[in-house]
Amino acid sequence: MIRSIVLSCCALAFSGIALAGTNFVAEPASSVADGEQFIAAKALWNCSDNVCAAELSRRTATVRTCKKVVKEIGAVASFRSDTNALSEDEITSCNASART
């Protein structure tokens, strides 16, 4: 009985880790207002000190996700997650979708 309770608690603890999001950061090419917020890629982005950040339920930064962000804030200088960053070529491709 105790063994099954302990195993259940461990399973719950690890499932919480699996559901945790990944931090994403977009650095706009031009300044944005401190406190600006917007929704993109199913997440609330908060901007401060010319950096916009959000927690997304995916691990890697992709051009597809970046395009959703630049449609809201305009071109970006960089776009990254906790695990990777877009290359210069990928940023150029992403910025093609930027709002004007």
PDB file of N, CA and C in Angstrom:
ATOM      1  N   MET A   1       0.825  -1.198   0.000  1.00  0.00           N
ATOM      2  CA  MET A   1       0.000   0.000   0.000  1.00  0.00           C
ATOM      3  C   MET A   1       0.866   1.257   0.000  1.00  0.00           C
ATOM      4  N   ILE A   2       1.821   1.310   0.922  1.00  0.00           N
ATOM      5  CA  ILE A   2       2.687   2.478   0.996  1.00  0.00           C
ATOM      6  C   ILE A   2       3.506   2.595  -0.286  1.00  0.00           C
ATOM      7  N   ARG A   3       3.943   1.463  -0.809  1.00  0.00           N
ATOM      8  CA  ARG A   3       4.720   1.492  -2.049  1.00  0.00           C
ATOM      9  C   ARG A   3       3.910   2.122  -3.181  1.00  0.00           C
ATOM     10  N   SER A   4       2.639   1.771  -3.299  1.00  0.00           N
ATOM     11  CA  SER A   4       1.825   2.334  -4.380  1.00  0.00           C
ATOM     12  C   SER A   4       1.584   3.834  -4.179  1.00  0.00           C
ATOM     13  N   ILE A   5       1.477   4.276  -2.946  1.00  0.00           N
ATOM     14  CA  ILE A   5       1.309   5.702  -2.671  1.00  0.00           C
ATOM     15  C   ILE A   5       2.573   6.458  -3.064  1.00  0.00           C
ATOM     16  N   VAL A   6       3.726   5.928  -2.700  1.00  0.00           N
ATOM     17  CA  VAL A   6       4.996   6.572  -3.041  1.00  0.00           C
ATOM     18  C   VAL A   6       5.166   6.624  -4.553  1.00  0.00           C
ATOM     19  N   LEU A   7       4.876   5.534  -5.244  1.00  0.00           N
ATOM     20  CA  LEU A   7       4.996   5.512  -6.698  1.00  0.00           C
ATOM     21  C   LEU A   7       4.033   6.496  -7.356  1.00  0.00           C
ATOM     22  N   SER A   8       2.833   6.612  -6.818  1.00  0.00           N
ATOM     23  CA  SER A   8       1.868   7.568  -7.360  1.00  0.00           C
ATOM     24  C   SER A   8       2.358   8.997  -7.189  1.00  0.00           C
ATOM     25  N   CYS A   9       2.925   9.299  -6.032  1.00  0.00           N
ATOM     26  CA  CYS A   9       3.453  10.643  -5.794  1.00  0.00           C
ATOM     27  C   CYS A   9       4.614  10.956  -6.738  1.00  0.00           C
ATOM     28  N   CYS A  10       5.476   9.985  -6.971  1.00  0.00           N
ATOM     29  CA  CYS A  10       6.597  10.188  -7.892  1.00  0.00           C
ATOM     30  C   CYS A  10       6.087  10.420  -9.307  1.00  0.00           C
ATOM     31  N   ALA A  11       5.097   9.664  -9.716  1.00  0.00           N
ATOM     32  CA  ALA A  11       4.537   9.829 -11.059  1.00  0.00           C
ATOM     33  C   ALA A  11       3.930  11.222 -11.222  1.00  0.00           C
ATOM     34  N   LEU A  12       3.231  11.694 -10.215  1.00  0.00           N
ATOM     35  CA  LEU A  12       2.652  13.030 -10.270  1.00  0.00           C
ATOM     36  C   LEU A  12       3.727  14.110 -10.326  1.00  0.00           C
ATOM     37  N   ALA A  13       4.791  13.925  -9.566  1.00  0.00           N
ATOM     38  CA  ALA A  13       5.872  14.908  -9.555  1.00  0.00           C
ATOM     39  C   ALA A  13       6.524  15.003 -10.925  1.00  0.00           C
ATOM     40  N   PHE A  14       6.789  13.869 -11.544  1.00  0.00           N
ATOM     41  CA  PHE A  14       7.432  13.885 -12.862  1.00  0.00           C
ATOM     42  C   PHE A  14       6.483  14.346 -13.958  1.00  0.00           C
ATOM     43  N   SER A  15       5.203  14.114 -13.822  1.00  0.00           N
ATOM     44  CA  SER A  15       4.268  14.593 -14.845  1.00  0.00           C
ATOM     45  C   SER A  15       4.189  16.114 -14.814  1.00  0.00           C
ATOM     46  N   GLY A  16       4.370  16.723 -13.662  1.00  0.00           N
ATOM     47  CA  GLY A  16       4.399  18.180 -13.561  1.00  0.00           C
ATOM     48  C   GLY A  16       5.590  18.761 -14.294  1.00  0.00           C
ATOM     49  N   ILE A  17       6.706  18.078 -14.234  1.00  0.00           N
ATOM     50  CA  ILE A  17       7.903  18.530 -14.944  1.00  0.00           C
ATOM     51  C   ILE A  17       7.664  18.460 -16.446  1.00  0.00           C
ATOM     52  N   ALA A  18       7.024  17.420 -16.903  1.00  0.00           N
ATOM     53  CA  ALA A  18       6.776  17.255 -18.334  1.00  0.00           C
ATOM     54  C   ALA A  18       5.837  18.336 -18.864  1.00  0.00           C
ATOM     55  N   LEU A  19       4.944  18.823 -18.028  1.00  0.00           N
ATOM     56  CA  LEU A  19       3.986  19.829 -18.459  1.00  0.00           C
ATOM     57  C   LEU A  19       4.526  21.256 -18.373  1.00  0.00           C
ATOM     58  N   ALA A  20       5.673  21.419 -17.753  1.00  0.00           N
ATOM     59  CA  ALA A  20       6.235  22.758 -17.611  1.00  0.00           C
ATOM     60  C   ALA A  20       6.623  23.304 -18.975  1.00  0.00           C
ATOM     61  N   GLY A  21       6.468  24.617 -19.141  1.00  0.00           N
ATOM     62  CA  GLY A  21       6.784  25.256 -20.409  1.00  0.00           C
ATOM     63  C   GLY A  21       8.251  25.626 -20.516  1.00  0.00           C
ATOM     64  N   THR A  22       8.595  26.147 -21.662  1.00  0.00           N
ATOM     65  CA  THR A  22       9.953  26.594 -21.951  1.00  0.00           C
ATOM     66  C   THR A  22       9.928  28.108 -22.144  1.00  0.00           C
ATOM     67  N   ASN A  23      10.918  28.780 -21.611  1.00  0.00           N
ATOM     68  CA  ASN A  23      11.013  30.228 -21.747  1.00  0.00           C
ATOM     69  C   ASN A  23      11.480  30.596 -23.150  1.00  0.00           C
ATOM     70  N   PHE A  24      10.797  31.559 -23.754  1.00  0.00           N
ATOM     71  CA  PHE A  24      11.144  32.084 -25.069  1.00  0.00           C
ATOM     72  C   PHE A  24      11.389  33.578 -24.944  1.00  0.00           C
ATOM     73  N   VAL A  25      12.359  34.081 -25.707  1.00  0.00           N
ATOM     74  CA  VAL A  25      12.702  35.495 -25.669  1.00  0.00           C
ATOM     75  C   VAL A  25      12.823  36.016 -27.092  1.00  0.00           C
ATOM     76  N   ALA A  26      12.177  37.146 -27.351  1.00  0.00           N
ATOM     77  CA  ALA A  26      12.293  37.850 -28.623  1.00  0.00           C
ATOM     78  C   ALA A  26      12.858  39.228 -28.338  1.00  0.00           C
ATOM     79  N   GLU A  27      13.909  39.596 -29.058  1.00  0.00           N
ATOM     80  CA  GLU A  27      14.473  40.933 -28.925  1.00  0.00           C
ATOM     81  C   GLU A  27      14.065  41.729 -30.159  1.00  0.00           C
ATOM     82  N   PRO A  28      13.117  42.663 -29.999  1.00  0.00           N
ATOM     83  CA  PRO A  28      12.654  43.451 -31.137  1.00  0.00           C
ATOM     84  C   PRO A  28      13.788  44.275 -31.758  1.00  0.00           C
ATOM     85  N   ALA A  29      13.737  44.437 -33.076  1.00  0.00           N
ATOM     86  CA  ALA A  29      14.747  45.234 -33.779  1.00  0.00           C
ATOM     87  C   ALA A  29      14.601  46.715 -33.445  1.00  0.00           C
ATOM     88  N   SER A  30      13.388  47.153 -33.160  1.00  0.00           N
ATOM     89  CA  SER A  30      13.165  48.525 -32.709  1.00  0.00           C
ATOM     90  C   SER A  30      12.532  48.471 -31.327  1.00  0.00           C
ATOM     91  N   SER A  31      12.619  49.544 -30.588  1.00  0.00           N
ATOM     92  CA  SER A  31      12.164  49.525 -29.200  1.00  0.00           C
ATOM     93  C   SER A  31      10.653  49.314 -29.081  1.00  0.00           C
ATOM     94  N   VAL A  32      10.293  48.675 -27.998  1.00  0.00           N
ATOM     95  CA  VAL A  32       8.883  48.495 -27.633  1.00  0.00           C
ATOM     96  C   VAL A  32       8.693  49.104 -26.257  1.00  0.00           C
ATOM     97  N   ALA A  33       7.486  49.481 -25.963  1.00  0.00           N
ATOM     98  CA  ALA A  33       7.189  50.117 -24.675  1.00  0.00           C
ATOM     99  C   ALA A  33       7.290  49.111 -23.534  1.00  0.00           C
ATOM    100  N   ASP A  34       7.904  49.545 -22.427  1.00  0.00           N
ATOM    101  CA  ASP A  34       7.915  48.701 -21.234  1.00  0.00           C
ATOM    102  C   ASP A  34       6.480  48.430 -20.814  1.00  0.00           C
ATOM    103  N   GLY A  35       6.211  47.206 -20.451  1.00  0.00           N
ATOM    104  CA  GLY A  35       4.876  46.833 -20.020  1.00  0.00           C
ATOM    105  C   GLY A  35       3.961  46.411 -21.155  1.00  0.00           C
ATOM    106  N   GLU A  36       4.440  46.518 -22.404  1.00  0.00           N
ATOM    107  CA  GLU A  36       3.604  46.078 -23.532  1.00  0.00           C
ATOM    108  C   GLU A  36       3.377  44.581 -23.422  1.00  0.00           C
ATOM    109  N   GLN A  37       2.153  44.165 -23.707  1.00  0.00           N
ATOM    110  CA  GLN A  37       1.790  42.754 -23.689  1.00  0.00           C
ATOM    111  C   GLN A  37       1.049  42.424 -24.978  1.00  0.00           C
ATOM    112  N   PHE A  38       1.208  41.196 -25.421  1.00  0.00           N
ATOM    113  CA  PHE A  38       0.482  40.729 -26.594  1.00  0.00           C
ATOM    114  C   PHE A  38       0.381  39.216 -26.536  1.00  0.00           C
ATOM    115  N   ILE A  39      -0.535  38.688 -27.309  1.00  0.00           N
ATOM    116  CA  ILE A  39      -0.708  37.236 -27.379  1.00  0.00           C
ATOM    117  C   ILE A  39      -0.242  36.763 -28.741  1.00  0.00           C
ATOM    118  N   ALA A  40       0.642  35.777 -28.737  1.00  0.00           N
ATOM    119  CA  ALA A  40       1.138  35.150 -29.957  1.00  0.00           C
ATOM    120  C   ALA A  40       1.554  33.726 -29.621  1.00  0.00           C
ATOM    121  N   ALA A  41       1.336  32.816 -30.543  1.00  0.00           N
ATOM    122  CA  ALA A  41       1.701  31.400 -30.358  1.00  0.00           C
ATOM    123  C   ALA A  41       1.061  30.830 -29.090  1.00  0.00           C
ATOM    124  N   LYS A  42      -0.177  31.225 -28.836  1.00  0.00           N
ATOM    125  CA  LYS A  42      -0.961  30.735 -27.697  1.00  0.00           C
ATOM    126  C   LYS A  42      -0.317  31.046 -26.347  1.00  0.00           C
ATOM    127  N   ALA A  43       0.361  32.198 -26.265  1.00  0.00           N
ATOM    128  CA  ALA A  43       0.999  32.591 -25.011  1.00  0.00           C
ATOM    129  C   ALA A  43       0.917  34.099 -24.839  1.00  0.00           C
ATOM    130  N   LEU A  44       0.950  34.541 -23.593  1.00  0.00           N
ATOM    131  CA  LEU A  44       0.989  35.961 -23.264  1.00  0.00           C
ATOM    132  C   LEU A  44       2.454  36.384 -23.176  1.00  0.00           C
ATOM    133  N   TRP A  45       2.826  37.337 -24.013  1.00  0.00           N
ATOM    134  CA  TRP A  45       4.184  37.863 -24.046  1.00  0.00           C
ATOM    135  C   TRP A  45       4.222  39.175 -23.275  1.00  0.00           C
ATOM    136  N   ASN A  46       5.251  39.359 -22.455  1.00  0.00           N
ATOM    137  CA  ASN A  46       5.451  40.570 -21.673  1.00  0.00           C
ATOM    138  C   ASN A  46       6.763  41.210 -22.098  1.00  0.00           C
ATOM    139  N   CYS A  47       6.729  42.511 -22.370  1.00  0.00           N
ATOM    140  CA  CYS A  47       7.914  43.230 -22.830  1.00  0.00           C
ATOM    141  C   CYS A  47       8.437  44.158 -21.744  1.00  0.00           C
ATOM    142  N   SER A  48       9.755  44.149 -21.587  1.00  0.00           N
ATOM    143  CA  SER A  48      10.422  45.013 -20.624  1.00  0.00           C
ATOM    144  C   SER A  48      11.876  45.164 -21.058  1.00  0.00           C
ATOM    145  N   ASP A  49      12.415  46.366 -20.969  1.00  0.00           N
ATOM    146  CA  ASP A  49      13.809  46.621 -21.342  1.00  0.00           C
ATOM    147  C   ASP A  49      14.122  46.137 -22.758  1.00  0.00           C
ATOM    148  N   ASN A  50      13.193  46.371 -23.674  1.00  0.00           N
ATOM    149  CA  ASN A  50      13.317  46.001 -25.081  1.00  0.00           C
ATOM    150  C   ASN A  50      13.534  44.502 -25.304  1.00  0.00           C
ATOM    151  N   VAL A  51      12.945  43.694 -24.421  1.00  0.00           N
ATOM    152  CA  VAL A  51      12.950  42.241 -24.563  1.00  0.00           C
ATOM    153  C   VAL A  51      11.538  41.762 -24.261  1.00  0.00           C
ATOM    154  N   CYS A  52      11.027  40.869 -25.104  1.00  0.00           N
ATOM    155  CA  CYS A  52       9.705  40.296 -24.875  1.00  0.00           C
ATOM    156  C   CYS A  52       9.881  38.818 -24.557  1.00  0.00           C
ATOM    157  N   ALA A  53       9.176  38.346 -23.532  1.00  0.00           N
ATOM    158  CA  ALA A  53       9.355  36.970 -23.076  1.00  0.00           C
ATOM    159  C   ALA A  53       8.006  36.313 -22.806  1.00  0.00           C
ATOM    160  N   ALA A  54       7.995  34.985 -22.972  1.00  0.00           N
ATOM    161  CA  ALA A  54       6.799  34.192 -22.690  1.00  0.00           C
ATOM    162  C   ALA A  54       7.216  32.762 -22.393  1.00  0.00           C
ATOM    163  N   GLU A  55       6.305  32.027 -21.787  1.00  0.00           N
ATOM    164  CA  GLU A  55       6.512  30.606 -21.550  1.00  0.00           C
ATOM    165  C   GLU A  55       5.586  29.847 -22.483  1.00  0.00           C
ATOM    166  N   LEU A  56       6.165  29.013 -23.338  1.00  0.00           N
ATOM    167  CA  LEU A  56       5.394  28.245 -24.311  1.00  0.00           C
ATOM    168  C   LEU A  56       5.490  26.762 -24.005  1.00  0.00           C
ATOM    169  N   SER A  57       4.511  26.026 -24.492  1.00  0.00           N
ATOM    170  CA  SER A  57       4.466  24.590 -24.231  1.00  0.00           C
ATOM    171  C   SER A  57       5.250  23.784 -25.267  1.00  0.00           C
ATOM    172  N   ARG A  58       6.255  24.395 -25.858  1.00  0.00           N
ATOM    173  CA  ARG A  58       7.140  23.688 -26.786  1.00  0.00           C
ATOM    174  C   ARG A  58       8.571  23.952 -26.355  1.00  0.00           C
ATOM    175  N   ARG A  59       9.502  23.203 -26.863  1.00  0.00           N
ATOM    176  CA  ARG A  59      10.884  23.321 -26.403  1.00  0.00           C
ATOM    177  C   ARG A  59      11.774  24.156 -27.303  1.00  0.00           C
ATOM    178  N   THR A  60      11.602  24.063 -28.612  1.00  0.00           N
ATOM    179  CA  THR A  60      12.559  24.703 -29.503  1.00  0.00           C
ATOM    180  C   THR A  60      11.972  25.917 -30.218  1.00  0.00           C
ATOM    181  N   ALA A  61      12.833  26.879 -30.449  1.00  0.00           N
ATOM    182  CA  ALA A  61      12.453  28.068 -31.212  1.00  0.00           C
ATOM    183  C   ALA A  61      12.407  27.687 -32.682  1.00  0.00           C
ATOM    184  N   THR A  62      11.333  28.073 -33.354  1.00  0.00           N
ATOM    185  CA  THR A  62      11.186  27.790 -34.782  1.00  0.00           C
ATOM    186  C   THR A  62      10.822  29.077 -35.518  1.00  0.00           C
ATOM    187  N   VAL A  63      11.071  29.072 -36.818  1.00  0.00           N
ATOM    188  CA  VAL A  63      10.699  30.224 -37.639  1.00  0.00           C
ATOM    189  C   VAL A  63       9.192  30.417 -37.581  1.00  0.00           C
ATOM    190  N   ARG A  64       8.459  29.340 -37.562  1.00  0.00           N
ATOM    191  CA  ARG A  64       6.983  29.416 -37.516  1.00  0.00           C
ATOM    192  C   ARG A  64       6.513  30.180 -36.270  1.00  0.00           C
ATOM    193  N   THR A  65       7.067  29.861 -35.123  1.00  0.00           N
ATOM    194  CA  THR A  65       6.704  30.563 -33.888  1.00  0.00           C
ATOM    195  C   THR A  65       7.159  32.017 -33.943  1.00  0.00           C
ATOM    196  N   CYS A  66       8.352  32.241 -34.443  1.00  0.00           N
ATOM    197  CA  CYS A  66       8.883  33.600 -34.572  1.00  0.00           C
ATOM    198  C   CYS A  66       7.966  34.457 -35.437  1.00  0.00           C
ATOM    199  N   LYS A  67       7.463  33.902 -36.535  1.00  0.00           N
ATOM    200  CA  LYS A  67       6.582  34.656 -37.436  1.00  0.00           C
ATOM    201  C   LYS A  67       5.316  35.121 -36.716  1.00  0.00           C
ATOM    202  N   LYS A  68       4.824  34.325 -35.798  1.00  0.00           N
ATOM    203  CA  LYS A  68       3.633  34.717 -35.041  1.00  0.00           C
ATOM    204  C   LYS A  68       3.935  35.911 -34.137  1.00  0.00           C
ATOM    205  N   VAL A  69       5.152  35.964 -33.619  1.00  0.00           N
ATOM    206  CA  VAL A  69       5.555  37.060 -32.742  1.00  0.00           C
ATOM    207  C   VAL A  69       5.777  38.342 -33.542  1.00  0.00           C
ATOM    208  N   VAL A  70       6.476  38.245 -34.674  1.00  0.00           N
ATOM    209  CA  VAL A  70       6.771  39.467 -35.438  1.00  0.00           C
ATOM    210  C   VAL A  70       5.523  40.076 -36.063  1.00  0.00           C
ATOM    211  N   LYS A  71       4.483  39.309 -36.213  1.00  0.00           N
ATOM    212  CA  LYS A  71       3.218  39.874 -36.691  1.00  0.00           C
ATOM    213  C   LYS A  71       2.625  40.817 -35.649  1.00  0.00           C
ATOM    214  N   GLU A  72       3.037  40.668 -34.391  1.00  0.00           N
ATOM    215  CA  GLU A  72       2.533  41.504 -33.305  1.00  0.00           C
ATOM    216  C   GLU A  72       3.461  42.677 -32.976  1.00  0.00           C
ATOM    217  N   ILE A  73       4.775  42.440 -33.001  1.00  0.00           N
ATOM    218  CA  ILE A  73       5.701  43.484 -32.537  1.00  0.00           C
ATOM    219  C   ILE A  73       6.626  44.034 -33.619  1.00  0.00           C
ATOM    220  N   GLY A  74       6.598  43.467 -34.800  1.00  0.00           N
ATOM    221  CA  GLY A  74       7.516  43.893 -35.839  1.00  0.00           C
ATOM    222  C   GLY A  74       8.778  43.044 -35.836  1.00  0.00           C
ATOM    223  N   ALA A  75       9.738  43.448 -36.648  1.00  0.00           N
ATOM    224  CA  ALA A  75      10.969  42.677 -36.837  1.00  0.00           C
ATOM    225  C   ALA A  75      11.708  42.453 -35.519  1.00  0.00           C
ATOM    226  N   VAL A  76      12.425  41.319 -35.458  1.00  0.00           N
ATOM    227  CA  VAL A  76      13.219  40.985 -34.275  1.00  0.00           C
ATOM    228  C   VAL A  76      14.698  40.890 -34.645  1.00  0.00           C
ATOM    229  N   ALA A  77      15.546  41.173 -33.667  1.00  0.00           N
ATOM    230  CA  ALA A  77      16.987  41.021 -33.837  1.00  0.00           C
ATOM    231  C   ALA A  77      17.412  39.602 -33.473  1.00  0.00           C
ATOM    232  N   SER A  78      16.672  38.988 -32.533  1.00  0.00           N
ATOM    233  CA  SER A  78      16.954  37.601 -32.150  1.00  0.00           C
ATOM    234  C   SER A  78      15.682  36.959 -31.616  1.00  0.00           C
ATOM    235  N   PHE A  79      15.664  35.637 -31.669  1.00  0.00           N
ATOM    236  CA  PHE A  79      14.534  34.857 -31.162  1.00  0.00           C
ATOM    237  C   PHE A  79      15.107  33.548 -30.656  1.00  0.00           C
ATOM    238  N   ARG A  80      14.818  33.229 -29.390  1.00  0.00           N
ATOM    239  CA  ARG A  80      15.418  32.019 -28.803  1.00  0.00           C
ATOM    240  C   ARG A  80      14.527  31.412 -27.727  1.00  0.00           C
ATOM    241  N   SER A  81      14.834  30.162 -27.425  1.00  0.00           N
ATOM    242  CA  SER A  81      14.201  29.476 -26.303  1.00  0.00           C
ATOM    243  C   SER A  81      15.313  29.091 -25.332  1.00  0.00           C
ATOM    244  N   ASP A  82      14.948  28.397 -24.271  1.00  0.00           N
ATOM    245  CA  ASP A  82      15.957  27.926 -23.318  1.00  0.00           C
ATOM    246  C   ASP A  82      16.917  26.934 -23.970  1.00  0.00           C
ATOM    247  N   THR A  83      16.471  26.289 -25.053  1.00  0.00           N
ATOM    248  CA  THR A  83      17.273  25.217 -25.634  1.00  0.00           C
ATOM    249  C   THR A  83      17.974  25.565 -26.940  1.00  0.00           C
ATOM    250  N   ASN A  84      17.514  26.598 -27.653  1.00  0.00           N
ATOM    251  CA  ASN A  84      18.163  26.956 -28.918  1.00  0.00           C
ATOM    252  C   ASN A  84      17.796  28.366 -29.341  1.00  0.00           C
ATOM    253  N   ALA A  85      18.477  28.842 -30.379  1.00  0.00           N
ATOM    254  CA  ALA A  85      18.208  30.172 -30.936  1.00  0.00           C
ATOM    255  C   ALA A  85      18.154  30.071 -32.450  1.00  0.00           C
ATOM    256  N   LEU A  86      17.397  30.969 -33.073  1.00  0.00           N
ATOM    257  CA  LEU A  86      17.335  30.983 -34.528  1.00  0.00           C
ATOM    258  C   LEU A  86      18.627  31.562 -35.101  1.00  0.00           C
ATOM    259  N   SER A  87      19.033  31.044 -36.249  1.00  0.00           N
ATOM    260  CA  SER A  87      20.223  31.543 -36.940  1.00  0.00           C
ATOM    261  C   SER A  87      19.884  32.867 -37.627  1.00  0.00           C
ATOM    262  N   GLU A  88      20.895  33.539 -38.157  1.00  0.00           N
ATOM    263  CA  GLU A  88      20.665  34.805 -38.865  1.00  0.00           C
ATOM    264  C   GLU A  88      19.757  34.590 -40.075  1.00  0.00           C
ATOM    265  N   ASP A  89      19.955  33.502 -40.815  1.00  0.00           N
ATOM    266  CA  ASP A  89      19.098  33.203 -41.965  1.00  0.00           C
ATOM    267  C   ASP A  89      17.657  32.961 -41.538  1.00  0.00           C
ATOM    268  N   GLU A  90      17.477  32.274 -40.419  1.00  0.00           N
ATOM    269  CA  GLU A  90      16.126  32.018 -39.915  1.00  0.00           C
ATOM    270  C   GLU A  90      15.462  33.314 -39.452  1.00  0.00           C
ATOM    271  N   ILE A  91      16.247  34.208 -38.838  1.00  0.00           N
ATOM    272  CA  ILE A  91      15.704  35.509 -38.418  1.00  0.00           C
ATOM    273  C   ILE A  91      15.260  36.303 -39.642  1.00  0.00           C
ATOM    274  N   THR A  92      16.048  36.276 -40.700  1.00  0.00           N
ATOM    275  CA  THR A  92      15.683  36.975 -41.933  1.00  0.00           C
ATOM    276  C   THR A  92      14.371  36.422 -42.489  1.00  0.00           C
ATOM    277  N   SER A  93      14.233  35.111 -42.498  1.00  0.00           N
ATOM    278  CA  SER A  93      13.002  34.482 -42.970  1.00  0.00           C
ATOM    279  C   SER A  93      11.823  34.860 -42.082  1.00  0.00           C
ATOM    280  N   CYS A  94      12.048  34.866 -40.788  1.00  0.00           N
ATOM    281  CA  CYS A  94      10.994  35.244 -39.834  1.00  0.00           C
ATOM    282  C   CYS A  94      10.546  36.690 -40.052  1.00  0.00           C
ATOM    283  N   ASN A  95      11.507  37.589 -40.193  1.00  0.00           N
ATOM    284  CA  ASN A  95      11.197  39.009 -40.318  1.00  0.00           C
ATOM    285  C   ASN A  95      10.445  39.345 -41.595  1.00  0.00           C
ATOM    286  N   ALA A  96      10.433  38.446 -42.561  1.00  0.00           N
ATOM    287  CA  ALA A  96       9.660  38.671 -43.789  1.00  0.00           C
ATOM    288  C   ALA A  96       8.163  38.775 -43.479  1.00  0.00           C
ATOM    289  N   SER A  97       7.741  38.223 -42.347  1.00  0.00           N
ATOM    290  CA  SER A  97       6.329  38.265 -41.935  1.00  0.00           C
ATOM    291  C   SER A  97       6.017  39.400 -40.982  1.00  0.00           C
ATOM    292  N   ALA A  98       7.004  40.229 -40.692  1.00  0.00           N
ATOM    293  CA  ALA A  98       6.837  41.273 -39.676  1.00  0.00           C
ATOM    294  C   ALA A  98       5.799  42.300 -40.097  1.00  0.00           C
ATOM    295  N   ARG A  99       5.090  42.806 -39.088  1.00  0.00           N
ATOM    296  CA  ARG A  99       4.145  43.893 -39.347  1.00  0.00           C
ATOM    297  C   ARG A  99       4.941  45.126 -39.739  1.00  0.00           C
ATOM    298  N   THR A 100       4.328  45.986 -40.487  1.00  0.00           N
ATOM    299  CA  THR A 100       5.038  47.193 -40.928  1.00  0.00           C
ATOM    300  C   THR A 100       4.461  48.426 -40.277  1.00  0.00           C
TER     301      THR A 100
END
